[in-house]
Amino acid sequence: MLDTNTFLTTLYVMCADFCKMRPGLAPTPGAKPSLTPAEVLTLCIFGQWRHFASERDFYRFAQRHLRPYFPTLPDRTQFNRLQRACYDDLVACWQHLTQQLRLQETTTYYEALDASAVATRQVTRRGSGWLSGQADKGLASRLGW
């Protein structure tokens, strides 16, 4: 198992590289977000990797232990809004990281990504989803079914 510092640093570098490849987001009115998209993606993936019980549980951990890495960590509600605003980028980042790690054959990181629950669609809808044959409904401690 990797230590938190190594995993967080490696993950941030990978997310920052991914964000450099993506086109920039359209500017929105108001103040600039306190976290960059790479930081938001890093925190989202890290929260999945550690299997926290809830978003609140993850945020408490981040405030106590990750503040040196993310000094501009916003209030929990603002962080949740940033997280939801980056959802499409998060999905694309998961797919990119999985592809990159599959090419590198590093099972440690791949297992961390493979064991993380990501909501792919609403469970009650019928028909094949966009990950048909690759992902199925299952029980996740954080997401439920």
Foldseek 3Di string as FASTA:
>chain_A
DDDPVVLLVVQLVLLVVLVVPDDDDDDDDDDDDLDDLSVLLSLVLVCQLVQAQELVRSVVCCVVPVCVVRVSDDDSVSSVVSNVVCVVVNVVSLVVVLVVCVVVVDVVVNVSSVPGDDDQDDQPDDDAGPCRPNDDDDQGSYPGD
